[in-house]
N, C-alpha and C. Protein backbone atom coordinates (compact mmCIF):
# COMPACT_ATOMS: atom_id res chain seq x y z
N MET A 1 4.78 -1.83 -11.30
CA MET A 1 3.71 -0.83 -11.13
C MET A 1 4.28 0.57 -11.26
N LYS A 2 3.62 1.39 -12.05
CA LYS A 2 4.11 2.75 -12.23
C LYS A 2 3.87 3.55 -10.96
N GLN A 3 4.91 4.12 -10.42
CA GLN A 3 4.80 4.92 -9.21
C GLN A 3 4.57 6.38 -9.57
N ARG A 4 3.72 7.09 -8.80
CA ARG A 4 3.44 8.46 -9.13
C ARG A 4 3.94 9.41 -8.05
N MET A 5 3.27 9.50 -6.96
CA MET A 5 3.60 10.57 -6.06
C MET A 5 3.23 10.16 -4.65
N CYS A 6 4.13 10.42 -3.71
CA CYS A 6 3.86 10.06 -2.33
C CYS A 6 4.59 11.05 -1.44
N ALA A 7 3.94 11.51 -0.39
CA ALA A 7 4.56 12.52 0.47
C ALA A 7 5.87 12.00 1.05
N VAL A 8 5.84 10.79 1.56
CA VAL A 8 7.07 10.11 1.98
C VAL A 8 6.84 8.64 1.71
N GLY A 9 7.45 8.10 0.69
CA GLY A 9 7.24 6.69 0.43
C GLY A 9 7.02 6.46 -1.04
N ARG A 10 6.05 5.60 -1.37
CA ARG A 10 5.93 5.15 -2.74
C ARG A 10 4.48 5.02 -3.15
N GLY A 11 4.26 5.26 -4.47
CA GLY A 11 3.04 4.84 -5.10
C GLY A 11 1.75 5.52 -4.71
N VAL A 12 1.74 6.78 -4.36
CA VAL A 12 0.47 7.41 -4.02
C VAL A 12 0.27 8.66 -4.87
N LEU A 13 -0.88 8.74 -5.50
CA LEU A 13 -1.26 9.98 -6.18
C LEU A 13 -2.44 10.54 -5.42
N VAL A 14 -2.26 11.65 -4.76
CA VAL A 14 -3.32 12.25 -3.97
C VAL A 14 -3.41 13.72 -4.32
N LEU A 15 -4.57 14.16 -4.77
CA LEU A 15 -4.79 15.56 -5.03
C LEU A 15 -5.53 16.14 -3.84
N GLY A 16 -4.94 17.08 -3.16
CA GLY A 16 -5.54 17.63 -1.95
C GLY A 16 -4.59 17.47 -0.79
N ALA A 17 -4.99 17.99 0.38
CA ALA A 17 -4.13 17.91 1.56
C ALA A 17 -3.94 16.47 1.97
N ALA A 18 -2.70 16.07 2.18
CA ALA A 18 -2.44 14.68 2.54
C ALA A 18 -1.27 14.59 3.50
N VAL A 19 -1.37 13.66 4.42
CA VAL A 19 -0.25 13.31 5.29
C VAL A 19 -0.06 11.82 5.16
N VAL A 20 1.12 11.39 4.74
CA VAL A 20 1.38 9.98 4.52
C VAL A 20 2.53 9.54 5.40
N LEU A 21 2.33 8.46 6.13
CA LEU A 21 3.34 7.98 7.04
C LEU A 21 4.40 7.17 6.30
N PRO A 22 5.56 6.93 6.94
CA PRO A 22 6.60 6.12 6.30
C PRO A 22 6.05 4.77 5.85
N GLY A 23 6.49 4.34 4.66
CA GLY A 23 6.00 3.09 4.12
C GLY A 23 4.59 3.24 3.57
N CYS A 24 4.21 4.44 3.16
CA CYS A 24 2.84 4.70 2.76
C CYS A 24 2.47 3.92 1.52
N GLU A 25 1.19 3.61 1.43
CA GLU A 25 0.61 2.96 0.26
C GLU A 25 -0.72 3.60 -0.01
N VAL A 26 -1.11 3.65 -1.26
CA VAL A 26 -2.38 4.28 -1.57
C VAL A 26 -3.53 3.35 -1.23
N ALA A 27 -4.71 3.93 -1.12
CA ALA A 27 -5.91 3.15 -0.87
C ALA A 27 -6.26 2.29 -2.07
N LEU A 28 -6.71 1.07 -1.81
CA LEU A 28 -7.20 0.18 -2.85
C LEU A 28 -8.67 -0.08 -2.58
N PHE A 29 -9.41 -0.38 -3.63
CA PHE A 29 -10.86 -0.44 -3.48
C PHE A 29 -11.43 -1.78 -3.85
N GLY A 30 -12.40 -2.23 -3.07
CA GLY A 30 -13.20 -3.38 -3.42
C GLY A 30 -14.65 -3.08 -3.12
N ALA A 31 -15.43 -2.73 -4.12
CA ALA A 31 -16.82 -2.38 -3.88
C ALA A 31 -17.62 -3.61 -3.56
N ALA A 32 -18.75 -3.40 -2.93
CA ALA A 32 -19.61 -4.52 -2.57
C ALA A 32 -20.35 -4.99 -3.82
N ALA A 33 -19.70 -5.83 -4.62
CA ALA A 33 -20.30 -6.33 -5.84
C ALA A 33 -21.02 -7.64 -5.60
N GLY A 34 -20.98 -8.11 -4.36
CA GLY A 34 -21.75 -9.30 -4.04
C GLY A 34 -20.90 -10.51 -3.74
N GLY A 35 -20.91 -10.97 -2.48
CA GLY A 35 -20.38 -12.25 -2.07
C GLY A 35 -18.98 -12.55 -2.54
N ALA A 36 -18.82 -13.76 -3.08
CA ALA A 36 -17.49 -14.23 -3.47
C ALA A 36 -16.92 -13.39 -4.60
N MET A 37 -17.78 -12.84 -5.47
CA MET A 37 -17.30 -12.02 -6.58
C MET A 37 -16.55 -10.81 -6.06
N THR A 38 -17.04 -10.20 -4.98
CA THR A 38 -16.38 -9.03 -4.43
C THR A 38 -14.97 -9.38 -3.96
N ALA A 39 -14.85 -10.45 -3.21
CA ALA A 39 -13.54 -10.87 -2.71
C ALA A 39 -12.63 -11.23 -3.86
N PHE A 40 -13.20 -11.82 -4.91
CA PHE A 40 -12.41 -12.23 -6.06
C PHE A 40 -11.86 -11.03 -6.82
N GLU A 41 -12.69 -10.00 -7.00
CA GLU A 41 -12.31 -8.86 -7.81
C GLU A 41 -11.47 -7.83 -7.05
N ASP A 42 -11.62 -7.74 -5.74
CA ASP A 42 -10.95 -6.71 -4.96
C ASP A 42 -9.44 -6.82 -5.11
N ARG A 43 -8.79 -5.71 -5.36
CA ARG A 43 -7.34 -5.70 -5.53
C ARG A 43 -6.59 -5.55 -4.21
N ARG A 44 -7.30 -5.48 -3.12
CA ARG A 44 -6.68 -5.53 -1.79
C ARG A 44 -6.66 -6.95 -1.29
N SER A 45 -5.79 -7.24 -0.33
CA SER A 45 -5.81 -8.54 0.32
C SER A 45 -6.98 -8.59 1.30
N PRO A 46 -7.46 -9.79 1.66
CA PRO A 46 -8.54 -9.89 2.64
C PRO A 46 -8.19 -9.22 3.97
N GLY A 47 -6.94 -9.36 4.39
CA GLY A 47 -6.52 -8.74 5.64
C GLY A 47 -6.60 -7.23 5.58
N THR A 48 -6.22 -6.67 4.45
CA THR A 48 -6.28 -5.22 4.29
C THR A 48 -7.72 -4.74 4.28
N GLN A 49 -8.61 -5.49 3.67
CA GLN A 49 -10.02 -5.12 3.66
C GLN A 49 -10.57 -5.04 5.08
N ILE A 50 -10.19 -6.00 5.92
CA ILE A 50 -10.63 -6.00 7.31
C ILE A 50 -10.04 -4.81 8.05
N ASP A 51 -8.76 -4.53 7.82
CA ASP A 51 -8.12 -3.38 8.46
C ASP A 51 -8.82 -2.08 8.07
N ASP A 52 -9.19 -1.96 6.80
CA ASP A 52 -9.83 -0.74 6.34
C ASP A 52 -11.17 -0.51 7.05
N GLU A 53 -11.94 -1.55 7.22
CA GLU A 53 -13.22 -1.42 7.92
C GLU A 53 -12.98 -0.99 9.37
N ALA A 54 -11.97 -1.58 9.99
CA ALA A 54 -11.67 -1.22 11.38
C ALA A 54 -11.19 0.22 11.49
N ILE A 55 -10.39 0.66 10.53
CA ILE A 55 -9.89 2.05 10.53
C ILE A 55 -11.04 3.03 10.44
N GLU A 56 -11.97 2.78 9.53
CA GLU A 56 -13.12 3.68 9.38
C GLU A 56 -13.89 3.79 10.69
N LEU A 57 -14.15 2.65 11.33
CA LEU A 57 -14.92 2.64 12.57
C LEU A 57 -14.18 3.33 13.70
N ARG A 58 -12.89 3.05 13.84
CA ARG A 58 -12.12 3.63 14.94
C ARG A 58 -11.97 5.14 14.82
N ILE A 59 -11.66 5.61 13.61
CA ILE A 59 -11.54 7.06 13.44
C ILE A 59 -12.87 7.74 13.73
N SER A 60 -13.95 7.21 13.18
CA SER A 60 -15.27 7.80 13.39
C SER A 60 -15.62 7.84 14.87
N ASN A 61 -15.37 6.74 15.57
CA ASN A 61 -15.71 6.68 17.00
C ASN A 61 -14.87 7.64 17.82
N ARG A 62 -13.58 7.71 17.54
CA ARG A 62 -12.69 8.57 18.33
C ARG A 62 -13.01 10.05 18.12
N VAL A 63 -13.32 10.40 16.89
CA VAL A 63 -13.67 11.80 16.61
C VAL A 63 -15.01 12.14 17.26
N ALA A 64 -15.96 11.21 17.22
CA ALA A 64 -17.26 11.44 17.84
C ALA A 64 -17.13 11.60 19.35
N GLU A 65 -16.25 10.79 19.96
CA GLU A 65 -16.02 10.91 21.40
C GLU A 65 -15.43 12.27 21.76
N ARG A 66 -14.58 12.78 20.90
CA ARG A 66 -13.90 14.05 21.17
C ARG A 66 -14.80 15.26 20.88
N PHE A 67 -15.54 15.23 19.78
CA PHE A 67 -16.25 16.43 19.34
C PHE A 67 -17.77 16.31 19.37
N GLY A 68 -18.30 15.10 19.48
CA GLY A 68 -19.74 14.94 19.46
C GLY A 68 -20.35 15.43 18.15
N ASP A 69 -21.49 16.14 18.25
CA ASP A 69 -22.17 16.60 17.04
C ASP A 69 -21.64 17.92 16.50
N LYS A 70 -20.53 18.39 17.06
CA LYS A 70 -19.91 19.61 16.54
C LYS A 70 -19.21 19.36 15.21
N VAL A 71 -18.93 18.10 14.94
CA VAL A 71 -18.22 17.73 13.71
C VAL A 71 -19.06 16.76 12.90
N HIS A 72 -19.09 16.99 11.60
CA HIS A 72 -19.66 16.03 10.66
C HIS A 72 -18.50 15.42 9.89
N LEU A 73 -18.27 14.12 10.09
CA LEU A 73 -17.09 13.48 9.50
C LEU A 73 -17.48 12.23 8.74
N ASN A 74 -16.95 12.11 7.53
CA ASN A 74 -17.03 10.87 6.76
C ASN A 74 -15.62 10.32 6.60
N VAL A 75 -15.45 9.03 6.82
CA VAL A 75 -14.15 8.38 6.73
C VAL A 75 -14.23 7.26 5.70
N ASN A 76 -13.33 7.29 4.73
CA ASN A 76 -13.19 6.21 3.76
C ASN A 76 -11.76 5.71 3.82
N ALA A 77 -11.56 4.43 4.07
CA ALA A 77 -10.21 3.88 4.20
C ALA A 77 -10.00 2.76 3.19
N TYR A 78 -8.84 2.79 2.52
CA TYR A 78 -8.49 1.78 1.53
C TYR A 78 -7.00 1.52 1.58
N ASN A 79 -6.65 0.26 1.71
CA ASN A 79 -5.24 -0.12 1.85
C ASN A 79 -4.58 0.66 2.99
N ARG A 80 -5.37 0.88 4.04
CA ARG A 80 -4.91 1.54 5.27
C ARG A 80 -4.62 3.03 5.07
N PHE A 81 -5.17 3.61 4.02
CA PHE A 81 -5.06 5.04 3.76
C PHE A 81 -6.43 5.66 3.98
N ALA A 82 -6.51 6.68 4.81
CA ALA A 82 -7.81 7.25 5.20
C ALA A 82 -8.08 8.59 4.52
N LEU A 83 -9.24 8.70 3.92
CA LEU A 83 -9.74 9.95 3.37
C LEU A 83 -10.76 10.52 4.34
N LEU A 84 -10.54 11.76 4.78
CA LEU A 84 -11.43 12.43 5.73
C LEU A 84 -12.15 13.56 5.01
N THR A 85 -13.48 13.57 5.08
CA THR A 85 -14.26 14.66 4.50
C THR A 85 -15.35 15.07 5.49
N GLY A 86 -15.90 16.25 5.28
CA GLY A 86 -16.94 16.74 6.17
C GLY A 86 -16.65 18.14 6.63
N GLU A 87 -17.16 18.51 7.82
CA GLU A 87 -17.00 19.85 8.34
C GLU A 87 -16.61 19.83 9.82
N ALA A 88 -15.75 20.76 10.20
CA ALA A 88 -15.33 20.95 11.59
C ALA A 88 -15.53 22.41 11.94
N PRO A 89 -15.72 22.75 13.23
CA PRO A 89 -16.03 24.13 13.61
C PRO A 89 -14.95 25.15 13.27
N ASP A 90 -13.67 24.72 13.27
CA ASP A 90 -12.59 25.66 12.97
C ASP A 90 -11.35 24.89 12.53
N GLU A 91 -10.30 25.63 12.19
CA GLU A 91 -9.07 25.01 11.70
C GLU A 91 -8.40 24.16 12.77
N ALA A 92 -8.46 24.60 14.03
CA ALA A 92 -7.85 23.83 15.11
C ALA A 92 -8.50 22.46 15.23
N ALA A 93 -9.82 22.41 15.15
CA ALA A 93 -10.52 21.13 15.21
C ALA A 93 -10.18 20.27 14.01
N ARG A 94 -10.09 20.90 12.86
CA ARG A 94 -9.74 20.17 11.64
C ARG A 94 -8.38 19.49 11.78
N GLN A 95 -7.41 20.20 12.32
CA GLN A 95 -6.08 19.63 12.50
C GLN A 95 -6.08 18.55 13.57
N GLU A 96 -6.88 18.71 14.60
CA GLU A 96 -6.95 17.69 15.65
C GLU A 96 -7.57 16.40 15.12
N ILE A 97 -8.56 16.54 14.26
CA ILE A 97 -9.16 15.35 13.64
C ILE A 97 -8.11 14.57 12.86
N GLU A 98 -7.27 15.28 12.15
CA GLU A 98 -6.21 14.63 11.39
C GLU A 98 -5.26 13.87 12.31
N LYS A 99 -4.90 14.48 13.44
CA LYS A 99 -4.01 13.82 14.40
C LYS A 99 -4.66 12.58 14.99
N ILE A 100 -5.94 12.67 15.28
CA ILE A 100 -6.67 11.51 15.79
C ILE A 100 -6.62 10.37 14.78
N ALA A 101 -6.84 10.69 13.52
CA ALA A 101 -6.83 9.67 12.47
C ALA A 101 -5.45 9.02 12.33
N LEU A 102 -4.41 9.84 12.36
CA LEU A 102 -3.05 9.32 12.21
C LEU A 102 -2.65 8.42 13.37
N ALA A 103 -3.29 8.60 14.53
CA ALA A 103 -2.94 7.81 15.71
C ALA A 103 -3.65 6.46 15.75
N VAL A 104 -4.59 6.23 14.86
CA VAL A 104 -5.33 4.96 14.84
C VAL A 104 -4.42 3.85 14.32
N PRO A 105 -4.42 2.68 14.96
CA PRO A 105 -3.55 1.57 14.52
C PRO A 105 -3.77 1.22 13.05
N ASN A 106 -2.68 0.93 12.37
CA ASN A 106 -2.64 0.47 10.97
C ASN A 106 -2.87 1.57 9.94
N VAL A 107 -3.11 2.80 10.38
CA VAL A 107 -3.27 3.89 9.41
C VAL A 107 -1.89 4.27 8.86
N ARG A 108 -1.74 4.21 7.54
CA ARG A 108 -0.47 4.53 6.90
C ARG A 108 -0.44 5.93 6.33
N GLY A 109 -1.58 6.53 6.16
CA GLY A 109 -1.62 7.87 5.62
C GLY A 109 -3.00 8.46 5.71
N VAL A 110 -3.08 9.79 5.63
CA VAL A 110 -4.35 10.49 5.74
C VAL A 110 -4.41 11.60 4.70
N SER A 111 -5.54 11.70 4.01
CA SER A 111 -5.85 12.85 3.17
C SER A 111 -6.97 13.59 3.87
N ASN A 112 -6.66 14.77 4.39
CA ASN A 112 -7.61 15.53 5.20
C ASN A 112 -8.29 16.59 4.35
N ASP A 113 -9.52 16.33 3.94
CA ASP A 113 -10.29 17.30 3.16
C ASP A 113 -11.49 17.80 3.95
N VAL A 114 -11.39 17.74 5.28
CA VAL A 114 -12.42 18.31 6.14
C VAL A 114 -12.37 19.83 6.01
N GLN A 115 -13.53 20.47 5.91
CA GLN A 115 -13.61 21.91 5.75
C GLN A 115 -14.02 22.56 7.06
N ALA A 116 -13.49 23.75 7.33
CA ALA A 116 -13.88 24.50 8.53
C ALA A 116 -15.20 25.21 8.24
N GLY A 117 -16.21 24.90 9.04
CA GLY A 117 -17.51 25.51 8.84
C GLY A 117 -18.60 24.73 9.55
N LEU A 118 -19.84 25.15 9.38
CA LEU A 118 -20.96 24.49 10.02
C LEU A 118 -21.23 23.13 9.36
N PRO A 119 -21.74 22.17 10.12
CA PRO A 119 -22.08 20.86 9.54
C PRO A 119 -23.07 21.01 8.39
N SER A 120 -22.92 20.20 7.38
CA SER A 120 -23.81 20.26 6.23
C SER A 120 -25.22 19.82 6.62
N SER A 121 -26.19 20.23 5.82
CA SER A 121 -27.59 19.88 6.08
C SER A 121 -27.87 18.44 5.66
N MET A 122 -28.96 17.89 6.16
CA MET A 122 -29.36 16.54 5.76
C MET A 122 -29.69 16.50 4.28
N ALA A 123 -30.25 17.59 3.76
CA ALA A 123 -30.56 17.64 2.33
C ALA A 123 -29.29 17.57 1.49
N SER A 124 -28.24 18.27 1.94
CA SER A 124 -26.97 18.24 1.22
C SER A 124 -26.37 16.85 1.25
N ARG A 125 -26.43 16.19 2.39
CA ARG A 125 -25.88 14.84 2.51
C ARG A 125 -26.65 13.85 1.65
N ALA A 126 -27.97 14.01 1.60
CA ALA A 126 -28.79 13.15 0.76
C ALA A 126 -28.44 13.35 -0.72
N GLY A 127 -28.20 14.61 -1.08
CA GLY A 127 -27.80 14.90 -2.45
C GLY A 127 -26.47 14.27 -2.81
N ASP A 128 -25.52 14.29 -1.86
CA ASP A 128 -24.22 13.66 -2.09
C ASP A 128 -24.36 12.15 -2.26
N SER A 129 -25.21 11.54 -1.45
CA SER A 129 -25.43 10.09 -1.56
C SER A 129 -26.02 9.74 -2.92
N PHE A 130 -26.94 10.59 -3.38
CA PHE A 130 -27.55 10.37 -4.69
C PHE A 130 -26.52 10.52 -5.80
N THR A 131 -25.65 11.51 -5.67
CA THR A 131 -24.59 11.70 -6.67
C THR A 131 -23.66 10.51 -6.73
N THR A 132 -23.27 10.00 -5.56
CA THR A 132 -22.43 8.80 -5.52
C THR A 132 -23.10 7.64 -6.23
N SER A 133 -24.39 7.45 -5.97
CA SER A 133 -25.12 6.36 -6.62
C SER A 133 -25.16 6.53 -8.13
N LYS A 134 -25.34 7.76 -8.58
CA LYS A 134 -25.38 8.02 -10.02
C LYS A 134 -24.03 7.73 -10.68
N VAL A 135 -22.95 8.15 -10.04
CA VAL A 135 -21.62 7.89 -10.60
C VAL A 135 -21.36 6.39 -10.68
N LYS A 136 -21.70 5.67 -9.62
CA LYS A 136 -21.49 4.22 -9.62
C LYS A 136 -22.30 3.55 -10.72
N ALA A 137 -23.55 3.97 -10.87
CA ALA A 137 -24.41 3.38 -11.89
C ALA A 137 -23.88 3.67 -13.29
N ARG A 138 -23.37 4.88 -13.50
CA ARG A 138 -22.84 5.23 -14.81
C ARG A 138 -21.53 4.51 -15.11
N LEU A 139 -20.72 4.25 -14.08
CA LEU A 139 -19.51 3.45 -14.28
C LEU A 139 -19.88 2.05 -14.74
N LEU A 140 -20.89 1.48 -14.11
CA LEU A 140 -21.34 0.14 -14.49
C LEU A 140 -21.90 0.13 -15.90
N ASP A 141 -22.68 1.15 -16.23
CA ASP A 141 -23.31 1.22 -17.54
C ASP A 141 -22.29 1.47 -18.65
N ALA A 142 -21.26 2.27 -18.34
CA ALA A 142 -20.25 2.57 -19.36
C ALA A 142 -19.43 1.34 -19.73
N ALA A 143 -19.23 0.43 -18.77
CA ALA A 143 -18.53 -0.84 -19.02
C ALA A 143 -17.13 -0.66 -19.59
N LYS A 144 -16.47 0.45 -19.19
CA LYS A 144 -15.10 0.68 -19.65
C LYS A 144 -14.08 0.51 -18.54
N VAL A 145 -14.53 0.50 -17.29
CA VAL A 145 -13.67 0.26 -16.15
C VAL A 145 -14.48 -0.53 -15.14
N ASN A 146 -13.88 -1.55 -14.55
CA ASN A 146 -14.58 -2.37 -13.57
C ASN A 146 -14.93 -1.50 -12.36
N PRO A 147 -16.21 -1.30 -12.05
CA PRO A 147 -16.58 -0.43 -10.93
C PRO A 147 -16.11 -0.96 -9.58
N VAL A 148 -15.77 -2.22 -9.51
CA VAL A 148 -15.23 -2.78 -8.27
C VAL A 148 -13.85 -2.20 -7.97
N HIS A 149 -13.18 -1.73 -8.98
CA HIS A 149 -11.82 -1.23 -8.80
C HIS A 149 -11.75 0.27 -8.53
N VAL A 150 -12.90 0.94 -8.54
CA VAL A 150 -12.93 2.38 -8.29
C VAL A 150 -13.94 2.68 -7.19
N LYS A 151 -13.46 3.20 -6.07
CA LYS A 151 -14.33 3.61 -4.98
C LYS A 151 -14.78 5.04 -5.20
N VAL A 152 -16.06 5.29 -5.02
CA VAL A 152 -16.63 6.62 -5.22
C VAL A 152 -17.18 7.15 -3.91
N ALA A 153 -16.81 8.37 -3.55
CA ALA A 153 -17.38 9.05 -2.39
C ALA A 153 -17.65 10.50 -2.79
N THR A 154 -18.68 11.10 -2.21
CA THR A 154 -19.04 12.47 -2.56
C THR A 154 -19.25 13.31 -1.30
N GLU A 155 -18.73 14.53 -1.32
CA GLU A 155 -18.91 15.47 -0.22
C GLU A 155 -19.09 16.86 -0.80
N ALA A 156 -20.24 17.48 -0.53
CA ALA A 156 -20.54 18.83 -1.01
C ALA A 156 -20.37 18.96 -2.53
N GLY A 157 -20.79 17.93 -3.24
CA GLY A 157 -20.70 17.95 -4.70
C GLY A 157 -19.35 17.58 -5.26
N VAL A 158 -18.35 17.35 -4.40
CA VAL A 158 -17.03 16.94 -4.85
C VAL A 158 -16.96 15.41 -4.82
N VAL A 159 -16.62 14.82 -5.96
CA VAL A 159 -16.53 13.37 -6.06
C VAL A 159 -15.07 12.94 -5.91
N TYR A 160 -14.83 12.00 -5.01
CA TYR A 160 -13.50 11.44 -4.77
C TYR A 160 -13.45 10.04 -5.36
N LEU A 161 -12.43 9.78 -6.16
CA LEU A 161 -12.24 8.48 -6.78
C LEU A 161 -10.97 7.85 -6.21
N MET A 162 -11.10 6.64 -5.69
CA MET A 162 -9.99 5.95 -5.05
C MET A 162 -9.81 4.58 -5.70
N GLY A 163 -8.58 4.11 -5.76
CA GLY A 163 -8.35 2.77 -6.26
C GLY A 163 -6.97 2.57 -6.83
N VAL A 164 -6.69 1.35 -7.22
CA VAL A 164 -5.46 1.03 -7.94
C VAL A 164 -5.89 0.66 -9.35
N VAL A 165 -5.46 1.46 -10.31
CA VAL A 165 -5.99 1.37 -11.67
C VAL A 165 -4.91 1.67 -12.70
N THR A 166 -5.20 1.30 -13.93
CA THR A 166 -4.34 1.72 -15.03
C THR A 166 -4.67 3.17 -15.37
N GLU A 167 -3.80 3.81 -16.14
CA GLU A 167 -4.07 5.19 -16.54
C GLU A 167 -5.36 5.26 -17.37
N LYS A 168 -5.58 4.27 -18.20
CA LYS A 168 -6.80 4.26 -19.01
C LYS A 168 -8.02 4.14 -18.13
N GLU A 169 -7.98 3.26 -17.14
CA GLU A 169 -9.10 3.12 -16.22
C GLU A 169 -9.36 4.42 -15.47
N ALA A 170 -8.28 5.08 -15.03
CA ALA A 170 -8.42 6.35 -14.32
C ALA A 170 -9.10 7.39 -15.20
N ASP A 171 -8.64 7.50 -16.44
CA ASP A 171 -9.22 8.49 -17.36
C ASP A 171 -10.70 8.21 -17.61
N GLU A 172 -11.04 6.94 -17.78
CA GLU A 172 -12.44 6.58 -18.02
C GLU A 172 -13.30 6.92 -16.80
N ALA A 173 -12.79 6.62 -15.61
CA ALA A 173 -13.55 6.89 -14.39
C ALA A 173 -13.76 8.39 -14.19
N VAL A 174 -12.72 9.16 -14.44
CA VAL A 174 -12.83 10.62 -14.31
C VAL A 174 -13.83 11.18 -15.31
N GLN A 175 -13.80 10.69 -16.53
CA GLN A 175 -14.72 11.17 -17.56
C GLN A 175 -16.17 10.91 -17.14
N VAL A 176 -16.42 9.72 -16.61
CA VAL A 176 -17.78 9.39 -16.17
C VAL A 176 -18.19 10.29 -15.01
N ALA A 177 -17.31 10.46 -14.04
CA ALA A 177 -17.65 11.25 -12.86
C ALA A 177 -17.91 12.72 -13.20
N ARG A 178 -17.02 13.31 -13.99
CA ARG A 178 -17.14 14.75 -14.25
C ARG A 178 -18.32 15.10 -15.14
N THR A 179 -18.86 14.13 -15.87
CA THR A 179 -20.02 14.38 -16.72
C THR A 179 -21.33 13.93 -16.08
N THR A 180 -21.28 13.64 -14.78
CA THR A 180 -22.48 13.23 -14.05
C THR A 180 -23.13 14.46 -13.42
N GLY A 181 -24.43 14.57 -13.54
CA GLY A 181 -25.14 15.71 -12.98
C GLY A 181 -24.94 15.84 -11.48
N GLY A 182 -24.72 17.07 -11.01
CA GLY A 182 -24.52 17.32 -9.60
C GLY A 182 -23.08 17.33 -9.16
N VAL A 183 -22.16 16.94 -10.04
CA VAL A 183 -20.74 16.90 -9.70
C VAL A 183 -20.10 18.24 -10.05
N ARG A 184 -19.49 18.89 -9.07
CA ARG A 184 -18.85 20.18 -9.33
C ARG A 184 -17.33 20.07 -9.40
N LYS A 185 -16.77 18.95 -8.96
CA LYS A 185 -15.33 18.76 -8.98
C LYS A 185 -15.03 17.28 -8.79
N VAL A 186 -13.92 16.83 -9.37
CA VAL A 186 -13.48 15.44 -9.19
C VAL A 186 -12.06 15.43 -8.61
N VAL A 187 -11.87 14.68 -7.55
CA VAL A 187 -10.56 14.54 -6.91
C VAL A 187 -10.11 13.08 -7.05
N LYS A 188 -8.92 12.89 -7.61
CA LYS A 188 -8.38 11.55 -7.81
C LYS A 188 -7.46 11.16 -6.66
N ILE A 189 -7.65 9.97 -6.14
CA ILE A 189 -6.72 9.38 -5.17
C ILE A 189 -6.42 7.98 -5.69
N PHE A 190 -5.49 7.91 -6.61
CA PHE A 190 -5.22 6.68 -7.35
C PHE A 190 -3.77 6.23 -7.19
N GLU A 191 -3.54 4.95 -7.29
CA GLU A 191 -2.23 4.37 -7.54
C GLU A 191 -2.30 3.74 -8.92
N TYR A 192 -1.32 4.05 -9.76
CA TYR A 192 -1.36 3.57 -11.13
C TYR A 192 -0.56 2.29 -11.30
N CYS A 193 -1.06 1.43 -12.17
CA CYS A 193 -0.39 0.18 -12.48
C CYS A 193 -0.49 -0.09 -13.98
N GLN A 194 0.27 -1.05 -14.44
CA GLN A 194 0.18 -1.50 -15.82
C GLN A 194 -0.68 -2.75 -15.89
N PRO A 195 -1.37 -3.00 -17.00
CA PRO A 195 -2.20 -4.21 -17.11
C PRO A 195 -1.40 -5.49 -16.90
N THR A 196 -0.09 -5.42 -17.13
CA THR A 196 0.76 -6.60 -16.95
C THR A 196 1.23 -6.78 -15.50
N ASP A 197 1.04 -5.77 -14.66
CA ASP A 197 1.43 -5.89 -13.25
C ASP A 197 0.55 -6.93 -12.56
N GLU A 198 1.12 -7.64 -11.62
CA GLU A 198 0.40 -8.72 -10.95
C GLU A 198 -0.92 -8.24 -10.35
N VAL A 199 -0.92 -7.07 -9.72
CA VAL A 199 -2.12 -6.60 -9.04
C VAL A 199 -3.25 -6.29 -10.01
N CYS A 200 -2.92 -5.97 -11.26
CA CYS A 200 -3.94 -5.58 -12.23
C CYS A 200 -4.23 -6.64 -13.27
N ARG A 201 -3.60 -7.79 -13.15
CA ARG A 201 -3.90 -8.87 -14.09
C ARG A 201 -5.25 -9.49 -13.77
N PRO A 202 -5.96 -9.97 -14.81
CA PRO A 202 -7.20 -10.71 -14.55
C PRO A 202 -6.90 -11.92 -13.68
N ARG A 203 -7.73 -12.13 -12.66
CA ARG A 203 -7.53 -13.26 -11.76
C ARG A 203 -8.12 -14.54 -12.35
N ALA A 204 -7.52 -15.67 -12.01
CA ALA A 204 -8.03 -16.96 -12.47
C ALA A 204 -9.16 -17.40 -11.56
N ARG A 205 -10.28 -17.79 -12.15
CA ARG A 205 -11.41 -18.28 -11.38
C ARG A 205 -11.20 -19.75 -11.03
N ALA A 206 -12.02 -20.26 -10.12
CA ALA A 206 -11.99 -21.68 -9.81
C ALA A 206 -12.29 -22.45 -11.08
N GLY A 207 -11.50 -23.49 -11.35
CA GLY A 207 -11.67 -24.24 -12.58
C GLY A 207 -10.68 -23.83 -13.64
N GLY A 208 -9.91 -22.75 -13.35
CA GLY A 208 -8.82 -22.39 -14.23
C GLY A 208 -9.15 -21.34 -15.28
N ASP A 209 -10.40 -20.90 -15.37
CA ASP A 209 -10.75 -19.90 -16.36
C ASP A 209 -10.27 -18.54 -15.89
N ALA A 210 -9.80 -17.74 -16.83
CA ALA A 210 -9.39 -16.38 -16.49
C ALA A 210 -10.60 -15.52 -16.21
N ALA A 211 -10.43 -14.60 -15.29
CA ALA A 211 -11.54 -13.69 -14.97
C ALA A 211 -11.87 -12.85 -16.19
N LYS A 212 -13.12 -12.70 -16.46
CA LYS A 212 -13.55 -11.84 -17.56
C LYS A 212 -13.56 -10.41 -17.08
N THR A 213 -13.00 -9.53 -17.87
CA THR A 213 -12.97 -8.13 -17.50
C THR A 213 -13.69 -7.31 -18.54
N LYS A 214 -14.22 -6.20 -18.13
CA LYS A 214 -14.91 -5.31 -19.06
C LYS A 214 -13.88 -4.57 -19.93
N PRO A 215 -14.26 -4.13 -21.10
CA PRO A 215 -13.34 -3.39 -21.96
C PRO A 215 -12.75 -2.22 -21.20
N GLY A 216 -11.43 -2.06 -21.36
CA GLY A 216 -10.76 -0.95 -20.72
C GLY A 216 -10.25 -1.27 -19.33
N SER A 217 -10.55 -2.49 -18.81
CA SER A 217 -10.08 -2.83 -17.46
C SER A 217 -8.73 -3.49 -17.53
């Protein structure tokens, strides 16, 4: 697997503020593509998927206990790497949120993109959700990268792309995201691999057939 950039460790490409703990690994994505297919396509292990769900819940709960409605926080975790977005009242609160996240069990790294300022409006959040849906739909329609391998999140018009992908898959995903209406910026949080690497090879289905992949995957 081609390694790119990691604050301390291996294999993480993160654009934006990031804190990565020793032994860091980038987030991997498995979108909810439905039942057994999702588990089959996800490039994370089942155990890591469970850890990621627990990390999201624990960070959200701990920050809510500390700050209540003074903070608007979204947490996305993949391969035990947490992306934090939203708004905090000031820089001190922003830094404390990061410390809370790093203290959660199994968290290997944090990318803190929380902004100091007032919480966003419900209209803004609804717009971000709509943008995320549009990017996901366009990834599926483009059929050049498996949308299960690219996680999409949006905050204040900024689209974050997470996953373990080939360079071609990354380029295709970025092209789709940046040409989607409502997107003002794209931030990549990727780990790169080669199509021949074990993690990026098509998986064998039950019965011995190779998994079918979309062009460019």
